[in-house]
């Protein structure tokens, strides 16, 4: 039986809390706060405490999906991103830049959120951006 802990950063928001994932025989089985974490000082919110539950969840998406002929089919990232880019371009051309909602995720890092808003403003020409910063 192999048991060890892995120091990592919580993916649920941009705070960057340090946590220890408990690993048993290659499977993540628990989460503990890292007492030396500079942002969380040994504390975690309810989402951070339960990070281990989504890692191996049976419903976790591990590849992009595209709807083809009425049902979702697994595809590669190149196809998924090409499709997203062509649809965003089509909507912008047909209905204008404000026809698309840009809603950010609380699970993004500060850097990802910056790139997201920059894309919406500079590339898409849309100044109205929302963000779900609820824990």
Protein backbone atom coordinates (compact mmCIF):
# COMPACT_ATOMS: atom_id res chain seq x y z
CA UNK A 1 0.00 0.00 0.00
CA UNK A 2 1.47 3.36 -1.12
CA UNK A 3 0.23 6.46 0.75
CA UNK A 4 1.67 9.95 0.28
CA UNK A 5 0.65 13.61 0.12
CA UNK A 6 1.15 16.01 -2.77
CA UNK A 7 1.43 19.76 -2.18
CA UNK A 8 -0.62 21.66 -4.76
CA UNK A 9 -2.83 24.71 -5.29
CA UNK A 10 -6.61 24.61 -5.04
CA UNK A 11 -8.25 25.05 -8.48
CA UNK A 12 -11.57 26.49 -7.25
CA UNK A 13 -10.75 30.22 -7.31
CA UNK A 14 -7.99 32.74 -7.88
CA UNK A 15 -6.94 32.96 -4.20
CA UNK A 16 -4.38 30.18 -4.64
CA UNK A 17 -4.77 28.29 -1.37
CA UNK A 18 -2.19 25.59 -0.80
CA UNK A 19 -3.44 22.13 -0.01
CA UNK A 20 -2.21 18.60 0.38
CA UNK A 21 -3.85 15.91 -1.70
CA UNK A 22 -3.74 12.54 0.02
CA UNK A 23 -2.92 9.79 -2.46
CA UNK A 24 -3.46 6.08 -1.79
CA UNK A 25 -2.26 3.63 -4.43
CA UNK A 26 -2.40 6.27 -7.16
CA UNK A 27 -5.92 7.51 -6.29
CA UNK A 28 -6.60 10.89 -4.66
CA UNK A 29 -8.58 10.04 -1.51
CA UNK A 30 -8.49 13.16 0.66
CA UNK A 31 -7.62 16.82 1.04
CA UNK A 32 -5.89 18.71 3.87
CA UNK A 33 -4.96 22.38 4.12
CA UNK A 34 -1.25 23.12 3.92
CA UNK A 35 -0.30 24.89 7.15
CA UNK A 36 2.53 26.74 5.37
CA UNK A 37 0.29 28.17 2.61
CA UNK A 38 0.87 31.96 2.50
CA UNK A 39 -2.66 32.72 1.30
CA UNK A 40 -4.67 30.34 3.47
CA UNK A 41 -2.43 29.72 6.52
CA UNK A 42 -3.76 26.22 7.14
CA UNK A 43 -7.41 26.94 6.36
CA UNK A 44 -9.67 25.95 3.43
CA UNK A 45 -13.19 26.84 2.37
CA UNK A 46 -15.77 24.08 1.90
CA UNK A 47 -14.88 23.72 -1.79
CA UNK A 48 -11.19 23.40 -1.03
CA UNK A 49 -11.84 20.72 1.58
CA UNK A 50 -13.64 18.65 -1.07
CA UNK A 51 -11.27 19.04 -4.03
CA UNK A 52 -10.48 15.31 -3.97
CA UNK A 53 -14.10 14.42 -4.75
CA UNK A 54 -14.12 15.77 -8.31
CA UNK A 55 -10.73 14.39 -9.39
CA UNK A 56 -12.01 10.86 -10.00
CA UNK A 57 -15.75 11.56 -10.21
CA UNK A 58 -17.48 9.35 -12.78
CA UNK A 59 -19.14 12.40 -14.43
CA UNK A 60 -15.94 14.44 -14.78
CA UNK A 61 -15.31 15.57 -18.35
CA UNK A 62 -11.81 14.71 -19.49
CA UNK A 63 -12.06 15.68 -23.18
CA UNK A 64 -13.96 18.29 -25.20
CA UNK A 65 -17.40 17.38 -26.55
CA UNK A 66 -19.19 18.69 -29.66
CA UNK A 67 -22.82 18.16 -30.53
CA UNK A 68 -22.99 16.24 -33.82
CA UNK A 69 -26.28 15.00 -35.26
CA UNK A 70 -28.10 15.75 -32.02
CA UNK A 71 -25.75 14.02 -29.60
CA UNK A 72 -22.48 14.89 -27.87
CA UNK A 73 -19.37 13.27 -29.31
CA UNK A 74 -15.84 13.36 -27.93
CA UNK A 75 -13.41 15.33 -30.07
CA UNK A 76 -9.89 16.74 -29.85
CA UNK A 77 -8.99 20.22 -28.66
CA UNK A 78 -8.13 21.52 -32.13
CA UNK A 79 -11.62 20.68 -33.47
CA UNK A 80 -13.34 22.06 -30.37
CA UNK A 81 -11.43 25.34 -30.43
CA UNK A 82 -11.87 25.73 -34.20
CA UNK A 83 -15.62 25.23 -33.77
CA UNK A 84 -15.81 27.74 -30.90
CA UNK A 85 -13.84 30.32 -32.89
CA UNK A 86 -15.99 29.93 -36.01
CA UNK A 87 -19.24 30.16 -34.01
CA UNK A 88 -18.09 33.25 -32.10
CA UNK A 89 -17.08 34.88 -35.39
CA UNK A 90 -20.42 33.96 -36.97
CA UNK A 91 -22.41 35.40 -34.07
CA UNK A 92 -20.33 38.59 -33.96
CA UNK A 93 -20.71 39.11 -37.72
CA UNK A 94 -24.45 38.38 -37.73
CA UNK A 95 -25.55 40.13 -34.53
CA UNK A 96 -22.70 42.37 -33.35
CA UNK A 97 -20.12 42.02 -30.58
CA UNK A 98 -22.64 42.49 -27.75
CA UNK A 99 -24.65 39.45 -28.87
CA UNK A 100 -22.37 37.15 -26.90
CA UNK A 101 -22.13 37.03 -23.12
CA UNK A 102 -18.68 36.84 -21.58
CA UNK A 103 -19.12 35.26 -18.15
CA UNK A 104 -15.92 34.33 -16.36
CA UNK A 105 -15.38 31.52 -13.92
CA UNK A 106 -14.40 31.79 -10.27
CA UNK A 107 -12.17 28.78 -10.87
CA UNK A 108 -9.83 30.81 -13.09
CA UNK A 109 -6.58 32.21 -11.80
CA UNK A 110 -6.08 35.98 -11.81
CA UNK A 111 -3.91 35.60 -14.90
CA UNK A 112 -6.56 33.57 -16.75
CA UNK A 113 -9.21 36.14 -15.80
CA UNK A 114 -7.01 38.93 -17.16
CA UNK A 115 -6.56 37.12 -20.50
CA UNK A 116 -10.31 36.40 -20.63
CA UNK A 117 -11.33 40.04 -20.18
CA UNK A 118 -8.61 41.18 -22.58
CA UNK A 119 -9.94 38.80 -25.24
CA UNK A 120 -13.51 40.03 -24.74
CA UNK A 121 -12.50 43.69 -24.96
CA UNK A 122 -9.61 43.78 -27.43
CA UNK A 123 -10.41 40.89 -29.76
CA UNK A 124 -14.18 40.68 -29.63
CA UNK A 125 -14.86 44.39 -28.99
CA UNK A 126 -17.22 43.74 -26.09
CA UNK A 127 -16.93 45.78 -22.90
CA UNK A 128 -19.57 44.04 -20.81
CA UNK A 129 -18.09 41.15 -18.85
CA UNK A 130 -19.56 39.31 -15.90
CA UNK A 131 -17.88 37.05 -13.40
CA UNK A 132 -19.22 34.45 -11.01
CA UNK A 133 -17.04 35.06 -7.96
CA UNK A 134 -19.16 33.13 -5.51
CA UNK A 135 -17.65 30.57 -3.19
